[in-house]
Amino acid sequence: MNVQAITTDEIRKLIAKRKAEGVTGPAINRNLARLRRMFKLAQREGKISAMPYFPMGKESEPREGFVEREEFEMLRAAMPTRLHPGLTFTYEVGCRTGAMKKVIWPWIKLDESEIHLPAGAIKNRNPITLPLSAELTGMLKKLFRTDDGPVFDTTNFRREWIAACVKIGLGKKTGEAWYAYEGLTPHDFRRSAARNLIKAGVDETTAMKITGHKTAAMFRRYDIKTTDDLHEASGKVVKYHARKARKTGANNAKLTQKAVGGEGK
């Protein structure tokens, strides 16, 4: 389509078409953002004098799906053994499944318990070094090869994920097709990793280096807080006030004792 023909009316037709195809609002916004970026670059270079209005839709609230370690182990046990290393990797470091599928053996440093992802292998394009747990290192040692093939087996990963989640109650079928499903998604492991890192006491800057988040604001969208977290926070406040009251009481007792001693003199 000629750029001159891309009007706001045509953009609205595109939005309607994408919705009819079952595409969600946030995904449509990403489509429009790319198109708008094209127009801005052309305008900056003097290729066009004006650009159309882009009616962006409302962004959805961030998902809050995550699993505790016990649920993860149940899910892993319900999936084929060949998928366990990739599943463990994504849960522990919050790596996107797309990036996980790209990992090849030359990037693995088992003697250092690390994976070195080069620029371009992950979404934000920056290189990153990810630590490997002792459990995952042990898994990879059993699979180690000297070629440059993929490290993690991802054959039928999504199909097996859906079947396992439905089996253990982390999702449900919504139709006859195998992919007709709603519930826990692989991307929810990214939230799980962010949350686990913070709860374990890892500082935010270090946690962001592991998960690959560029901004603290985006990272915090993944650090989901539960009702238990809020109760824990409330309990900490109660303990704080109790400590403060004991300290104040002890100080008052000392002052009283001094005053009484002074009167005696």
Protein backbone atom coordinates (compact mmCIF):
# COMPACT_ATOMS: atom_id res chain seq x y z
CA MET A 1 0.00 0.00 0.00
CA ASN A 2 1.25 3.47 -0.88
CA VAL A 3 2.10 5.51 2.21
CA GLN A 4 -0.27 8.27 1.08
CA ALA A 5 -3.12 5.75 1.22
CA ILE A 6 -2.51 4.85 4.87
CA THR A 7 -5.05 7.08 6.57
CA THR A 8 -6.63 6.95 10.01
CA ASP A 9 -9.69 5.29 8.43
CA GLU A 10 -7.44 2.58 6.96
CA ILE A 11 -5.76 2.12 10.34
CA ARG A 12 -9.17 1.63 11.97
CA LYS A 13 -9.97 -1.00 9.31
CA LEU A 14 -6.71 -2.75 10.21
CA ILE A 15 -7.64 -2.72 13.89
CA ALA A 16 -11.06 -4.23 13.13
CA LYS A 17 -9.47 -6.91 10.94
CA ARG A 18 -6.93 -7.88 13.62
CA LYS A 19 -9.67 -8.10 16.26
CA ALA A 20 -11.70 -10.33 13.94
CA GLU A 21 -8.66 -12.59 13.69
CA GLY A 22 -8.68 -12.95 17.47
CA VAL A 23 -5.67 -10.72 18.14
CA THR A 24 -5.77 -8.97 21.52
CA GLY A 25 -5.57 -5.24 22.16
CA PRO A 26 -1.94 -5.11 23.41
CA ALA A 27 -0.73 -7.09 20.37
CA ILE A 28 -2.61 -4.73 18.04
CA ASN A 29 -1.00 -1.78 19.83
CA ARG A 30 2.43 -3.28 19.10
CA ASN A 31 1.48 -3.54 15.41
CA LEU A 32 0.38 0.10 15.35
CA ALA A 33 3.49 1.22 17.24
CA ARG A 34 5.72 -0.24 14.51
CA LEU A 35 3.67 1.43 11.80
CA ARG A 36 3.72 4.75 13.64
CA ARG A 37 7.48 4.46 14.08
CA MET A 38 7.82 4.03 10.32
CA PHE A 39 5.89 7.25 9.76
CA LYS A 40 7.95 9.17 12.33
CA LEU A 41 11.22 8.08 10.72
CA ALA A 42 9.94 9.08 7.28
CA GLN A 43 8.77 12.44 8.62
CA ARG A 44 12.12 13.06 10.30
CA GLU A 45 13.91 12.43 7.00
CA GLY A 46 11.56 14.77 5.13
CA LYS A 47 9.94 11.96 3.13
CA ILE A 48 6.44 12.93 4.27
CA SER A 49 5.00 16.17 5.60
CA ALA A 50 2.25 14.78 7.82
CA MET A 51 1.25 11.50 9.39
CA PRO A 52 -2.15 10.01 10.28
CA TYR A 53 -3.59 9.72 13.78
CA PHE A 54 -3.10 6.30 15.36
CA PRO A 55 -6.07 5.31 17.60
CA MET A 56 -4.23 3.11 20.10
CA GLY A 57 -6.35 0.83 22.26
CA LYS A 58 -6.30 0.56 26.02
CA GLU A 59 -3.50 -1.59 27.38
CA SER A 60 -4.62 -4.57 29.45
CA GLU A 61 -3.61 -4.99 33.06
CA PRO A 62 -0.41 -7.03 33.47
CA ARG A 63 -0.91 -10.77 33.96
CA GLU A 64 -0.30 -12.05 37.45
CA GLY A 65 0.31 -15.71 36.76
CA PHE A 66 3.17 -17.42 38.57
CA VAL A 67 3.90 -20.70 40.31
CA GLU A 68 5.61 -21.52 43.57
CA ARG A 69 8.42 -24.09 43.56
CA GLU A 70 6.09 -26.91 44.65
CA GLU A 71 3.73 -26.26 41.74
CA PHE A 72 6.64 -26.04 39.34
CA GLU A 73 7.89 -29.45 40.43
CA MET A 74 4.40 -30.90 39.95
CA LEU A 75 4.26 -29.42 36.45
CA ARG A 76 7.73 -30.67 35.58
CA ALA A 77 6.87 -34.18 36.77
CA ALA A 78 3.79 -34.16 34.53
CA MET A 79 5.85 -33.30 31.43
CA PRO A 80 8.22 -35.58 29.45
CA THR A 81 11.72 -35.94 30.92
CA ARG A 82 13.32 -34.60 27.73
CA LEU A 83 11.68 -31.21 28.40
CA HIS A 84 12.85 -30.94 32.02
CA PRO A 85 16.13 -29.06 31.37
CA GLY A 86 14.47 -26.32 29.31
CA LEU A 87 11.60 -26.09 31.75
CA THR A 88 14.00 -25.76 34.70
CA PHE A 89 16.08 -23.14 32.89
CA THR A 90 13.12 -20.89 32.11
CA TYR A 91 11.74 -21.19 35.66
CA GLU A 92 15.02 -20.45 37.43
CA VAL A 93 16.28 -17.47 35.41
CA GLY A 94 13.08 -16.15 33.81
CA CYS A 95 14.40 -16.56 30.27
CA ARG A 96 11.79 -16.27 27.53
CA THR A 97 11.00 -19.55 25.81
CA GLY A 98 11.93 -18.01 22.46
CA ALA A 99 15.43 -17.25 23.75
CA MET A 100 15.66 -20.64 25.44
CA LYS A 101 15.09 -22.39 22.10
CA LYS A 102 18.05 -20.50 20.58
CA VAL A 103 20.61 -21.62 23.19
CA ILE A 104 23.38 -23.70 21.59
CA TRP A 105 26.17 -25.71 23.18
CA PRO A 106 29.04 -23.25 22.49
CA TRP A 107 27.26 -20.81 24.81
CA ILE A 108 27.31 -23.27 27.70
CA LYS A 109 30.14 -23.03 30.24
CA LEU A 110 29.49 -25.99 32.52
CA ASP A 111 32.77 -25.57 34.41
CA GLU A 112 31.59 -22.09 35.38
CA SER A 113 27.89 -23.05 35.71
CA GLU A 114 26.93 -20.30 33.25
CA ILE A 115 25.18 -19.70 29.96
CA HIS A 116 26.45 -16.80 27.85
CA LEU A 117 23.71 -15.40 25.63
CA PRO A 118 25.14 -13.11 22.93
CA ALA A 119 23.53 -9.90 21.69
CA GLY A 120 20.54 -10.66 19.50
CA ALA A 121 19.70 -13.92 21.22
CA ILE A 122 17.25 -12.26 23.59
CA LYS A 123 14.56 -9.64 23.21
CA ASN A 124 16.42 -6.60 24.53
CA ARG A 125 19.40 -7.40 22.25
CA ASN A 126 22.05 -7.03 24.95
CA PRO A 127 24.40 -9.92 25.79
CA ILE A 128 23.82 -11.50 29.17
CA THR A 129 25.43 -14.15 31.36
CA LEU A 130 22.99 -16.36 33.22
CA PRO A 131 23.90 -18.57 36.19
CA LEU A 132 23.02 -22.26 36.24
CA SER A 133 21.85 -24.00 39.40
CA ALA A 134 23.60 -27.17 40.54
CA GLU A 135 20.49 -29.13 39.52
CA LEU A 136 20.42 -27.69 36.01
CA THR A 137 24.19 -28.05 35.60
CA GLY A 138 23.83 -31.74 36.46
CA MET A 139 21.08 -32.15 33.85
CA LEU A 140 23.17 -30.50 31.15
CA LYS A 141 26.29 -32.54 31.96
CA LYS A 142 24.31 -35.66 31.11
CA LEU A 143 23.28 -34.13 27.76
CA PHE A 144 26.55 -32.39 26.88
CA ARG A 145 27.64 -32.42 23.25
CA THR A 146 30.54 -30.75 21.44
CA ASP A 147 28.54 -29.62 18.40
CA ASP A 148 26.76 -26.31 17.93
CA GLY A 149 23.26 -27.74 18.07
CA PRO A 150 20.42 -26.59 20.35
CA VAL A 151 20.85 -27.37 24.03
CA PHE A 152 17.21 -27.70 25.04
CA ASP A 153 14.74 -30.10 23.46
CA THR A 154 11.54 -28.14 22.75
CA THR A 155 9.68 -30.66 20.57
CA ASN A 156 5.92 -30.23 21.11
CA PHE A 157 6.72 -27.99 24.08
CA ARG A 158 3.46 -26.03 23.97
CA ARG A 159 1.29 -29.13 23.46
CA GLU A 160 2.94 -30.92 26.39
CA TRP A 161 2.69 -27.76 28.52
CA ILE A 162 -1.04 -27.48 27.96
CA ALA A 163 -1.64 -31.18 28.65
CA ALA A 164 0.38 -31.03 31.89
CA CYS A 165 -1.26 -27.81 33.14
CA VAL A 166 -4.73 -29.23 32.53
CA LYS A 167 -3.76 -32.48 34.27
CA ILE A 168 -2.58 -30.82 37.50
CA GLY A 169 -5.20 -28.05 37.56
CA LEU A 170 -3.14 -25.04 36.43
CA GLY A 171 -5.28 -24.55 33.31
CA LYS A 172 -8.36 -25.77 31.49
CA LYS A 173 -9.46 -26.70 28.00
CA THR A 174 -11.72 -24.25 26.19
CA GLY A 175 -12.43 -26.27 23.04
CA GLU A 176 -11.73 -29.47 21.13
CA ALA A 177 -8.48 -28.31 19.50
CA TRP A 178 -5.35 -29.13 21.49
CA TYR A 179 -4.39 -25.44 21.64
CA ALA A 180 -7.82 -24.33 22.91
CA TYR A 181 -6.71 -23.57 26.43
CA GLU A 182 -6.52 -20.92 29.12
CA GLY A 183 -4.40 -20.91 32.24
CA LEU A 184 -0.73 -20.81 33.16
CA THR A 185 1.58 -19.87 30.27
CA PRO A 186 5.35 -20.38 29.83
CA HIS A 187 5.78 -16.60 30.07
CA ASP A 188 4.39 -16.80 33.62
CA PHE A 189 7.68 -18.47 34.56
CA ARG A 190 9.26 -15.07 33.92
CA ARG A 191 7.10 -13.59 36.67
CA SER A 192 7.90 -16.57 38.89
CA ALA A 193 11.64 -16.00 38.50
CA ALA A 194 11.39 -12.27 39.24
CA ARG A 195 9.28 -12.93 42.32
CA ASN A 196 11.52 -15.76 43.57
CA LEU A 197 14.66 -13.64 43.21
CA ILE A 198 13.24 -10.76 45.26
CA LYS A 199 11.75 -13.04 47.93
CA ALA A 200 15.12 -14.77 48.24
CA GLY A 201 16.68 -11.40 49.11
CA VAL A 202 18.44 -10.72 45.79
CA ASP A 203 18.74 -6.97 45.20
CA GLU A 204 16.68 -5.55 42.35
CA THR A 205 19.65 -4.55 40.18
CA THR A 206 21.14 -8.06 40.25
CA ALA A 207 17.73 -9.65 39.71
CA MET A 208 17.18 -7.47 36.64
CA LYS A 209 20.51 -8.61 35.19
CA ILE A 210 19.40 -12.23 35.54
CA THR A 211 15.93 -11.76 34.05
CA GLY A 212 17.18 -9.34 31.39
CA HIS A 213 14.82 -6.47 32.23
CA LYS A 214 16.11 -3.06 31.16
CA THR A 215 13.95 -0.90 33.45
CA ALA A 216 12.97 -1.20 37.08
CA ALA A 217 9.38 -0.27 36.18
CA MET A 218 9.02 -3.24 33.85
CA PHE A 219 10.73 -5.58 36.30
CA ARG A 220 8.31 -4.57 39.04
CA ARG A 221 5.38 -5.51 36.82
CA TYR A 222 6.77 -9.05 36.99
CA ASP A 223 7.44 -9.04 40.75
CA ILE A 224 3.90 -10.09 41.66
CA LYS A 225 2.75 -9.66 45.24
CA THR A 226 0.26 -12.08 46.78
CA THR A 227 -2.04 -11.83 49.79
CA ASP A 228 0.53 -13.86 51.75
CA ASP A 229 3.15 -11.24 50.89
CA LEU A 230 0.88 -8.51 52.23
CA HIS A 231 0.24 -10.46 55.44
CA GLU A 232 3.99 -10.94 55.79
CA ALA A 233 4.53 -7.20 55.35
CA SER A 234 1.84 -6.46 57.94
CA GLY A 235 3.48 -8.89 60.35
CA LYS A 236 6.80 -7.12 59.90
CA VAL A 237 5.16 -3.79 60.81
CA VAL A 238 3.62 -5.32 63.94
CA LYS A 239 7.02 -6.70 64.98
CA TYR A 240 8.61 -3.30 64.26
CA HIS A 241 6.15 -1.51 66.53
CA ALA A 242 6.62 -4.18 69.21
CA ARG A 243 10.41 -3.71 69.12
CA LYS A 244 9.98 0.05 69.23
CA ALA A 245 7.58 -0.21 72.18
CA ARG A 246 9.99 -2.44 74.08
CA LYS A 247 12.84 -0.03 73.40
CA THR A 248 10.74 2.96 74.48
CA GLY A 249 9.61 1.09 77.59
CA ALA A 250 13.18 0.22 78.49
CA ASN A 251 14.28 3.85 78.03
CA ASN A 252 11.39 5.12 80.17
CA ALA A 253 12.28 2.62 82.86
CA LYS A 254 15.87 3.88 82.89
CA LEU A 255 14.72 7.50 83.11
CA THR A 256 12.33 6.64 85.98
CA GLN A 257 15.08 4.79 87.78
CA LYS A 258 17.40 7.76 87.42
CA ALA A 259 14.72 10.14 88.62
CA VAL A 260 13.98 7.99 91.65
CA GLY A 261 17.68 7.71 92.39
CA GLY A 262 18.04 11.50 92.13
CA GLU A 263 15.21 12.08 94.59
CA GLY A 264 16.80 9.69 97.01
CA LYS A 265 19.95 11.78 96.98
